[in-house]
Amino acid sequence: MFGFLKKKIKESIDGIAKAVSKKPAEEYSKEEKIPEKPDEIIEVEEATNVEQPRAEATEIAVEEKQDMEEIGAGPETQEETEIGRTGAELAAQHQAAEELLSAKMTETQGAETPQHPEHTEETKTEPEKPKPGLFGRIAEKFTKKITEVTIREEDIETVVDDMKMSLMENDVALEVAENICGSMEKNLAGKSVKRSRVEETVKNSLRNSIAEILGQEKINMVEFVKNHDKPVLILFIGFNGAGKTTTLARIGNYLKNRGVSCLFAAGDSFRAASIEQIQFHGDRLGVKVIKHNYGADSAAVIFDSMKYATAHNIDVVLADTAGRTHVNANLMDELKKVCRVNRPAMKILVLDSLTGNDIVEQAKKFGEAVGVDALVFTKADVYEKGGAILSATHTVKKPILFLGVGQDYGDLEEFDANKIVDRLFS
């Protein structure tokens, strides 16, 4: 189910993720660029006096030279150096010079660190955690910025256009495709995300856009019947061959298995073998069928069914109607009459998933003519594109009750928007 649409959605997500992730660093927004001279770097530069260590080194060198002269290490002439100095004398002079220099440094340190009489004991302090150096701070700031990227409109514009075409190729109406793409683009443009989460962000945005279309208020059929006066009339309407009679039988089986008593009304008295078909389902399921002869007024058949259900304390009447095209004004007027006479509590529009883009017009015309309370899609198990379901739901803004996914009575899947979205993105 939804194989083609799932494939196109994945291709679109991958396309946007690649377009955003391949952006070079210089194309980031101004807010993301590394400042040429960050504040913390300026502080380091101002606090560091390069000339000070050089001056201290020069003073130490001068003092060392003076100390050497005081102990007689300085030669008066080059000749005396060559003749008078032996290896032992040089060693002794060097050692004396080191001792004198060490003593002077000790005195200097003592003068710089005054002793306080009130603090006689040594104070133990924990060593401070070393701060990152100049290049460490630059690297830290650069790494933080380079891992984040702002998704711009131009990064996703081309891919969004391709996705729009892909959605339309998969039976998604133009209006719906534009709604999905526009919502996704609005949510993504200007959003800052980590590079490693670009694909996930795009996927979640598209997922939310689709879930918003499918996320109509869910109807529990059993609770709906229990909360209405008995008998409850549920009318099945739709296009020719959409599968109304079979869907009616499946929902009758669904309700019957949950303790709700049912009655079938053979409101389709025009299609050949329509009465025999609903009678066949009634016999198999053990459900009473109210019928008239072919050519009878559909509104009258359903009216008599409601009278019978009232007399026999039956919970719900499931009424079939003849299939009709949404462009046939006379047949649509007849459907309006059925609704006026019998006032159904719920009108279920049965749609063939394989209809394609025309499903939007069907949903719109039936909604305008008599109103639609809920949708059921048949043949969903063999429908790979999936777009028609999005289009019809967006058009009538009504919840989907079930998906027909097989040939048996039990092959009726309760619609769950989250499960459908999971299938598209799995």
Protein backbone atom coordinates (compact mmCIF):
# COMPACT_ATOMS: atom_id res chain seq x y z
CA MET A 1 0.00 0.00 0.00
CA PHE A 2 1.23 3.49 -0.95
CA GLY A 3 4.47 2.10 -2.40
CA PHE A 4 4.89 4.73 -5.13
CA LEU A 5 4.08 7.69 -2.90
CA LYS A 6 6.40 6.36 -0.19
CA LYS A 7 9.25 6.16 -2.71
CA LYS A 8 8.69 9.72 -3.97
CA ILE A 9 8.51 11.13 -0.45
CA LYS A 10 11.82 9.46 0.46
CA GLU A 11 13.47 10.85 -2.68
CA SER A 12 12.26 14.36 -1.84
CA ILE A 13 13.53 14.17 1.74
CA ASP A 14 16.93 12.91 0.59
CA GLY A 15 17.11 15.69 -2.01
CA ILE A 16 16.49 18.48 0.50
CA ALA A 17 18.90 16.95 3.02
CA LYS A 18 21.68 16.77 0.42
CA ALA A 19 21.06 20.30 -0.82
CA VAL A 20 21.30 21.72 2.70
CA SER A 21 24.18 19.55 3.93
CA LYS A 22 26.43 20.38 0.97
CA LYS A 23 26.46 24.13 1.72
CA PRO A 24 30.02 25.43 2.25
CA ALA A 25 30.81 27.34 5.42
CA GLU A 26 30.98 30.73 3.67
CA GLU A 27 27.32 30.38 2.63
CA TYR A 28 26.03 30.35 6.20
CA SER A 29 23.90 33.19 7.35
CA LYS A 30 25.60 36.19 8.98
CA GLU A 31 24.45 35.10 12.40
CA GLU A 32 26.34 31.83 11.98
CA LYS A 33 29.64 33.25 10.67
CA ILE A 34 32.59 33.25 13.03
CA PRO A 35 33.36 36.84 13.97
CA GLU A 36 36.68 38.09 12.64
CA LYS A 37 37.72 39.09 16.15
CA PRO A 38 35.59 37.46 18.88
CA ASP A 39 35.32 39.19 22.24
CA GLU A 40 37.09 36.41 24.07
CA ILE A 41 39.99 36.54 21.63
CA ILE A 42 40.30 40.31 22.07
CA GLU A 43 40.45 39.85 25.81
CA VAL A 44 43.27 37.36 25.47
CA GLU A 45 45.19 39.69 23.16
CA GLU A 46 44.77 42.67 25.48
CA ALA A 47 45.74 40.71 28.56
CA THR A 48 48.90 39.32 26.98
CA ASN A 49 51.88 41.73 26.91
CA VAL A 50 54.43 40.23 24.58
CA GLU A 51 57.16 42.75 25.48
CA GLN A 52 57.06 41.98 29.22
CA PRO A 53 58.70 38.50 29.07
CA ARG A 54 61.36 39.89 26.76
CA ALA A 55 62.22 42.73 29.21
CA GLU A 56 62.41 40.32 32.14
CA ALA A 57 64.70 38.01 30.22
CA THR A 58 67.01 40.94 29.37
CA GLU A 59 67.22 42.06 33.02
CA ILE A 60 68.08 38.55 34.17
CA ALA A 61 70.81 38.34 31.54
CA VAL A 62 72.32 41.69 32.67
CA GLU A 63 72.23 40.67 36.34
CA GLU A 64 73.87 37.36 35.52
CA LYS A 65 76.64 39.18 33.71
CA GLN A 66 77.16 41.55 36.68
CA ASP A 67 77.26 38.60 39.10
CA MET A 68 79.86 36.89 37.02
CA GLU A 69 82.00 40.02 37.10
CA GLU A 70 81.65 40.35 40.92
CA ILE A 71 83.14 36.91 41.53
CA GLY A 72 85.94 37.55 39.11
CA ALA A 73 84.61 35.49 36.29
CA GLY A 74 85.07 38.28 33.75
CA PRO A 75 88.49 38.07 32.01
CA GLU A 76 90.55 41.23 31.62
CA THR A 77 92.11 40.15 28.37
CA GLN A 78 91.80 37.39 25.87
CA GLU A 79 95.39 36.29 26.65
CA GLU A 80 94.62 35.74 30.34
CA THR A 81 91.65 33.65 29.38
CA GLU A 82 93.70 31.39 27.20
CA ILE A 83 96.64 31.00 29.64
CA GLY A 84 95.23 31.36 33.22
CA ARG A 85 91.96 29.44 33.08
CA THR A 86 91.91 25.76 33.67
CA GLY A 87 88.92 23.42 33.57
CA ALA A 88 88.68 23.31 37.40
CA GLU A 89 88.75 27.12 37.76
CA LEU A 90 86.03 27.57 35.18
CA ALA A 91 83.85 25.01 36.96
CA ALA A 92 84.30 26.69 40.34
CA GLN A 93 83.53 30.12 38.96
CA HIS A 94 80.42 28.88 37.20
CA GLN A 95 79.14 27.22 40.37
CA ALA A 96 79.69 30.35 42.44
CA ALA A 97 77.86 32.44 39.88
CA GLU A 98 74.83 30.10 39.98
CA GLU A 99 74.70 30.21 43.81
CA LEU A 100 74.78 34.02 43.81
CA LEU A 101 72.09 34.25 41.16
CA SER A 102 69.92 31.80 43.05
CA ALA A 103 70.27 33.80 46.27
CA LYS A 104 69.25 37.03 44.55
CA MET A 105 66.17 35.42 42.95
CA THR A 106 65.12 34.09 46.35
CA GLU A 107 65.37 37.57 47.87
CA THR A 108 63.31 39.04 45.03
CA GLN A 109 60.52 36.47 45.43
CA GLY A 110 60.44 37.06 49.18
CA ALA A 111 60.03 40.78 48.66
CA GLU A 112 57.19 40.33 46.16
CA THR A 113 55.30 37.96 48.48
CA PRO A 114 54.94 39.64 51.89
CA GLN A 115 54.37 37.47 54.88
CA HIS A 116 51.23 38.14 56.92
CA PRO A 117 51.62 37.33 60.61
CA GLU A 118 47.98 36.46 61.00
CA HIS A 119 48.28 33.68 58.42
CA THR A 120 50.83 31.36 59.98
CA GLU A 121 49.46 28.17 58.48
CA GLU A 122 49.75 27.36 54.81
CA THR A 123 46.49 27.66 52.94
CA LYS A 124 45.76 24.75 50.66
CA THR A 125 43.98 25.71 47.45
CA GLU A 126 42.75 23.44 44.71
CA PRO A 127 44.53 23.95 41.41
CA GLU A 128 42.47 25.99 38.98
CA LYS A 129 41.17 24.24 35.89
CA PRO A 130 43.32 25.37 32.98
CA LYS A 131 41.48 27.65 30.60
CA PRO A 132 41.63 26.90 26.88
CA GLY A 133 44.33 28.81 25.09
CA LEU A 134 43.91 31.23 22.24
CA PHE A 135 43.75 28.60 19.51
CA GLY A 136 41.67 26.33 21.72
CA ARG A 137 38.99 29.00 21.97
CA ILE A 138 39.00 29.60 18.24
CA ALA A 139 38.65 25.87 17.55
CA GLU A 140 35.83 25.56 20.09
CA LYS A 141 33.88 28.44 18.55
CA PHE A 142 34.45 27.26 14.99
CA THR A 143 33.36 23.70 15.79
CA LYS A 144 30.17 24.95 17.42
CA LYS A 145 29.25 27.06 14.41
CA ILE A 146 30.19 24.66 11.65
CA THR A 147 27.92 21.91 13.01
CA GLU A 148 24.81 24.10 12.68
CA VAL A 149 23.24 25.18 9.42
CA THR A 150 20.32 27.40 8.50
CA ILE A 151 17.92 25.93 5.94
CA ARG A 152 17.28 28.64 3.36
CA GLU A 153 14.45 28.90 0.86
CA GLU A 154 16.82 28.51 -2.10
CA ASP A 155 18.16 25.27 -0.62
CA ILE A 156 14.76 23.57 -0.75
CA GLU A 157 12.97 25.48 -3.50
CA THR A 158 14.00 23.21 -6.39
CA VAL A 159 13.46 20.02 -4.41
CA VAL A 160 10.04 21.23 -3.21
CA ASP A 161 8.98 21.87 -6.82
CA ASP A 162 10.04 18.34 -7.75
CA MET A 163 8.17 16.96 -4.77
CA LYS A 164 5.05 18.84 -5.81
CA MET A 165 5.20 17.16 -9.22
CA SER A 166 5.79 13.78 -7.60
CA LEU A 167 2.74 14.22 -5.37
CA MET A 168 0.57 15.13 -8.36
CA GLU A 169 1.85 12.08 -10.26
CA ASN A 170 0.65 10.00 -7.29
CA ASP A 171 -2.96 11.26 -7.52
CA VAL A 172 -2.55 14.15 -5.09
CA ALA A 173 -4.62 17.11 -6.30
CA LEU A 174 -2.76 20.32 -7.14
CA GLU A 175 -4.39 22.23 -4.30
CA VAL A 176 -3.41 19.54 -1.81
CA ALA A 177 0.15 19.24 -3.17
CA GLU A 178 0.62 23.00 -2.88
CA ASN A 179 -0.78 22.91 0.65
CA ILE A 180 1.65 20.16 1.72
CA CYS A 181 4.70 21.75 0.07
CA GLY A 182 3.82 25.26 1.25
CA SER A 183 3.37 24.11 4.83
CA MET A 184 6.65 22.21 4.78
CA GLU A 185 8.56 25.11 3.20
CA LYS A 186 7.15 27.53 5.77
CA ASN A 187 8.21 25.28 8.64
CA LEU A 188 11.72 24.68 7.27
CA ALA A 189 12.83 28.05 5.82
CA GLY A 190 15.17 29.89 8.18
CA LYS A 191 15.31 27.05 10.67
CA SER A 192 18.73 26.33 12.22
CA VAL A 193 19.51 22.66 12.76
CA LYS A 194 22.54 20.50 13.26
CA ARG A 195 23.98 19.06 10.08
CA SER A 196 23.47 15.54 11.37
CA ARG A 197 19.72 16.21 11.87
CA VAL A 198 18.86 17.90 8.57
CA GLU A 199 17.23 14.81 7.07
CA GLU A 200 15.30 14.10 10.27
CA THR A 201 14.04 17.70 10.42
CA VAL A 202 12.84 17.65 6.80
CA LYS A 203 11.16 14.29 7.34
CA ASN A 204 9.32 15.46 10.47
CA SER A 205 8.12 18.64 8.74
CA LEU A 206 6.68 16.71 5.79
CA ARG A 207 5.20 14.14 8.13
CA ASN A 208 3.42 16.84 10.14
CA SER A 209 2.03 18.43 6.96
CA ILE A 210 0.49 15.13 5.82
CA ALA A 211 -0.71 14.20 9.30
CA GLU A 212 -2.51 17.55 9.54
CA ILE A 213 -4.56 16.71 6.43
CA LEU A 214 -5.44 13.22 7.65
CA GLY A 215 -5.94 14.24 11.25
CA GLN A 216 -9.69 14.79 11.21
CA GLU A 217 -11.67 13.93 14.33
CA LYS A 218 -12.07 10.17 14.52
CA ILE A 219 -15.55 8.57 14.73
CA ASN A 220 -16.13 5.39 16.71
CA MET A 221 -19.03 3.64 14.98
CA VAL A 222 -20.17 1.69 18.03
CA GLU A 223 -20.14 4.76 20.28
CA PHE A 224 -21.90 6.76 17.57
CA VAL A 225 -24.77 4.28 17.44
CA LYS A 226 -25.06 4.07 21.23
CA ASN A 227 -25.26 7.86 21.59
CA HIS A 228 -28.18 8.31 19.13
CA ASP A 229 -31.86 7.56 19.34
CA LYS A 230 -32.77 4.14 17.93
CA PRO A 231 -32.99 3.15 15.22
CA VAL A 232 -29.97 4.94 13.75
CA LEU A 233 -30.04 5.36 9.97
CA ILE A 234 -26.69 5.21 8.17
CA LEU A 235 -26.83 5.97 4.44
CA PHE A 236 -24.22 4.75 1.95
CA ILE A 237 -23.68 6.95 -1.10
CA GLY A 238 -21.12 7.08 -3.87
CA PHE A 239 -20.14 6.60 -7.49
CA ASN A 240 -21.03 3.59 -9.66
CA GLY A 241 -18.91 0.56 -8.82
CA ALA A 242 -17.21 2.12 -5.80
CA GLY A 243 -18.19 -0.83 -3.61
CA LYS A 244 -21.08 0.55 -1.54
CA THR A 245 -23.01 -2.70 -1.11
CA THR A 246 -19.95 -4.72 -0.12
CA THR A 247 -18.84 -1.97 2.28
CA LEU A 248 -22.33 -1.91 3.81
CA ALA A 249 -22.14 -5.66 4.45
CA ARG A 250 -18.67 -5.37 6.00
CA ILE A 251 -19.72 -2.59 8.37
CA GLY A 252 -22.83 -4.62 9.26
CA ASN A 253 -20.55 -7.52 10.17
CA TYR A 254 -18.29 -5.16 12.14
CA LEU A 255 -21.20 -3.77 14.21
CA LYS A 256 -22.87 -7.15 14.68
CA ASN A 257 -19.64 -8.60 16.13
CA ARG A 258 -19.64 -5.76 18.66
CA GLY A 259 -23.15 -6.35 19.92
CA VAL A 260 -25.05 -3.90 17.69
CA SER A 261 -28.19 -5.26 15.99
CA CYS A 262 -28.49 -4.35 12.29
CA LEU A 263 -30.98 -4.23 9.44
CA PHE A 264 -30.16 -3.88 5.71
CA ALA A 265 -32.29 -1.66 3.44
CA ALA A 266 -32.13 -2.47 -0.31
CA GLY A 267 -32.34 1.15 -1.41
CA ASP A 268 -30.67 0.40 -4.76
CA SER A 269 -33.65 -0.76 -6.82
CA PHE A 270 -32.22 0.18 -10.23
CA ARG A 271 -28.96 -1.69 -10.80
CA ALA A 272 -29.32 -5.21 -12.15
CA ALA A 273 -28.91 -7.87 -9.43
CA SER A 274 -28.45 -5.22 -6.74
CA ILE A 275 -31.27 -6.63 -4.59
CA GLU A 276 -29.98 -10.18 -4.97
CA GLN A 277 -26.51 -9.02 -3.95
CA ILE A 278 -27.58 -7.39 -0.70
CA GLN A 279 -29.88 -10.32 0.07
CA PHE A 280 -26.92 -12.69 -0.38
CA HIS A 281 -24.87 -10.71 2.16
CA GLY A 282 -27.80 -10.58 4.58
CA ASP A 283 -28.24 -14.35 4.43
CA ARG A 284 -24.55 -15.01 5.04
CA LEU A 285 -24.38 -12.62 7.98
CA GLY A 286 -27.79 -13.45 9.49
CA VAL A 287 -29.13 -9.92 8.98
CA LYS A 288 -32.71 -9.10 7.95
CA VAL A 289 -33.08 -7.32 4.54
CA ILE A 290 -36.02 -5.03 3.69
CA LYS A 291 -36.59 -4.79 -0.09
CA HIS A 292 -39.15 -3.77 -2.73
CA ASN A 293 -39.37 -4.65 -6.38
CA TYR A 294 -36.99 -3.21 -8.98
CA GLY A 295 -37.91 0.32 -9.97
CA ALA A 296 -39.34 1.17 -6.54
CA ASP A 297 -38.72 4.54 -4.94
CA SER A 298 -35.49 4.36 -2.96
CA ALA A 299 -36.78 6.81 -0.34
CA ALA A 300 -39.84 4.59 0.26
CA VAL A 301 -37.74 1.43 0.71
CA ILE A 302 -35.58 3.10 3.34
CA PHE A 303 -38.65 4.60 5.07
CA ASP A 304 -40.23 1.14 5.41
CA SER A 305 -36.93 -0.22 6.76
CA MET A 306 -36.92 2.38 9.51
CA LYS A 307 -40.51 1.44 10.45
CA TYR A 308 -39.55 -2.23 10.67
CA ALA A 309 -36.44 -1.45 12.79
CA THR A 310 -38.54 0.63 15.20
CA ALA A 311 -41.10 -2.13 15.60
CA HIS A 312 -38.45 -4.81 16.18
CA ASN A 313 -36.13 -2.74 18.40
CA ILE A 314 -33.18 -2.88 15.99
CA ASP A 315 -30.27 -0.55 16.73
CA VAL A 316 -29.16 0.53 13.27
CA VAL A 317 -30.41 0.50 9.66
CA LEU A 318 -27.71 0.34 6.97
CA ALA A 319 -29.25 1.70 3.77
CA ASP A 320 -27.85 1.06 0.30
CA THR A 321 -28.41 3.51 -2.57
CA ALA A 322 -27.91 3.31 -6.32
CA GLY A 323 -24.56 4.40 -7.66
CA ARG A 324 -24.69 7.70 -9.51
CA THR A 325 -22.32 10.07 -11.23
CA HIS A 326 -21.76 13.38 -9.55
CA VAL A 327 -22.51 15.22 -12.82
CA ASN A 328 -26.01 13.72 -13.26
CA ALA A 329 -28.34 16.36 -11.81
CA ASN A 330 -31.49 14.16 -11.81
CA LEU A 331 -29.85 11.34 -9.85
CA MET A 332 -28.35 13.79 -7.38
CA ASP A 333 -31.80 15.33 -6.86
CA GLU A 334 -33.16 11.86 -6.10
CA LEU A 335 -30.48 11.41 -3.46
CA LYS A 336 -31.48 14.72 -1.91
CA LYS A 337 -35.06 13.41 -1.68
CA VAL A 338 -33.89 10.26 0.17
CA CYS A 339 -32.14 12.46 2.72
CA ARG A 340 -35.11 14.81 3.14
CA VAL A 341 -37.59 12.01 3.74
CA ASN A 342 -35.50 9.82 6.04
CA ARG A 343 -33.04 12.21 7.71
CA PRO A 344 -30.05 9.85 8.06
CA ALA A 345 -27.90 10.24 11.17
CA MET A 346 -24.77 9.60 9.13
CA LYS A 347 -23.99 9.76 5.41
CA ILE A 348 -20.96 7.69 4.43
CA LEU A 349 -19.32 8.46 1.09
CA VAL A 350 -17.75 5.31 -0.34
CA LEU A 351 -14.84 6.06 -2.68
CA ASP A 352 -12.79 3.82 -4.91
CA SER A 353 -9.10 4.43 -4.16
CA LEU A 354 -8.19 3.64 -7.77
CA THR A 355 -10.30 6.52 -9.10
CA GLY A 356 -7.36 8.90 -9.26
CA ASN A 357 -7.63 12.68 -9.36
CA ASP A 358 -11.35 12.60 -10.23
CA ILE A 359 -11.95 11.53 -6.65
CA VAL A 360 -11.70 15.19 -5.63
CA GLU A 361 -14.64 16.18 -7.85
CA GLN A 362 -16.68 13.22 -6.60
CA ALA A 363 -16.09 14.13 -2.97
CA LYS A 364 -16.81 17.80 -3.61
CA LYS A 365 -20.09 17.27 -5.54
CA PHE A 366 -21.54 14.72 -3.11
CA GLY A 367 -20.59 17.00 -0.24
CA GLU A 368 -22.31 19.97 -1.85
CA ALA A 369 -25.43 17.98 -2.75
CA VAL A 370 -26.31 16.15 0.46
CA GLY A 371 -23.37 16.62 2.82
CA VAL A 372 -20.87 13.97 3.86
CA ASP A 373 -20.18 12.88 7.42
CA ALA A 374 -17.46 10.27 6.89
CA LEU A 375 -15.45 8.46 4.22
CA VAL A 376 -14.62 4.85 3.41
CA PHE A 377 -11.97 3.95 0.81
CA THR A 378 -12.20 0.63 -0.99
CA LYS A 379 -9.41 -1.33 -2.74
CA ALA A 380 -6.78 0.34 -0.58
CA ASP A 381 -4.77 -2.89 -0.49
CA VAL A 382 -4.01 -2.66 -4.24
CA TYR A 383 -3.60 1.10 -4.37
CA GLU A 384 0.10 1.96 -4.49
CA LYS A 385 -0.07 5.69 -5.11
CA GLY A 386 -2.03 6.81 -2.05
CA GLY A 387 -2.63 10.37 -3.19
CA ALA A 388 -6.39 10.05 -3.69
CA ILE A 389 -6.90 9.46 0.02
CA LEU A 390 -5.08 12.71 0.86
CA SER A 391 -7.00 14.64 -1.81
CA ALA A 392 -10.48 13.49 -0.80
CA THR A 393 -9.87 14.02 2.91
CA HIS A 394 -8.55 17.52 2.29
CA THR A 395 -11.54 18.32 0.05
CA VAL A 396 -14.42 17.34 2.36
CA LYS A 397 -12.59 17.82 5.68
CA LYS A 398 -14.28 14.72 7.10
CA PRO A 399 -12.81 11.71 8.91
CA ILE A 400 -12.05 8.38 7.27
CA LEU A 401 -13.81 5.47 8.97
CA PHE A 402 -12.35 2.42 7.26
CA LEU A 403 -10.09 1.17 4.49
CA GLY A 404 -11.16 -1.85 2.46
CA VAL A 405 -8.10 -4.10 2.28
CA GLY A 406 -9.34 -7.44 0.94
CA GLN A 407 -12.26 -9.60 -0.18
CA ASP A 408 -13.60 -11.02 3.08
CA TYR A 409 -16.02 -9.42 5.52
CA GLY A 410 -13.26 -8.97 8.06
CA ASP A 411 -10.98 -7.15 5.60
CA LEU A 412 -12.05 -3.77 6.86
CA GLU A 413 -9.28 -1.82 8.53
CA GLU A 414 -10.16 0.92 10.99
CA PHE A 415 -8.50 4.08 9.80
CA ASP A 416 -5.65 5.42 11.93
CA ALA A 417 -3.93 8.54 10.60
CA ASN A 418 -0.73 7.81 12.52
CA LYS A 419 -0.47 4.32 11.03
CA ILE A 420 -0.95 5.66 7.51
CA VAL A 421 1.74 8.30 8.03
CA ASP A 422 4.05 5.65 9.50
CA ARG A 423 3.58 3.54 6.38
CA LEU A 424 4.49 6.46 4.14
CA PHE A 425 7.70 7.17 6.08
CA SER A 426 8.74 3.64 7.08
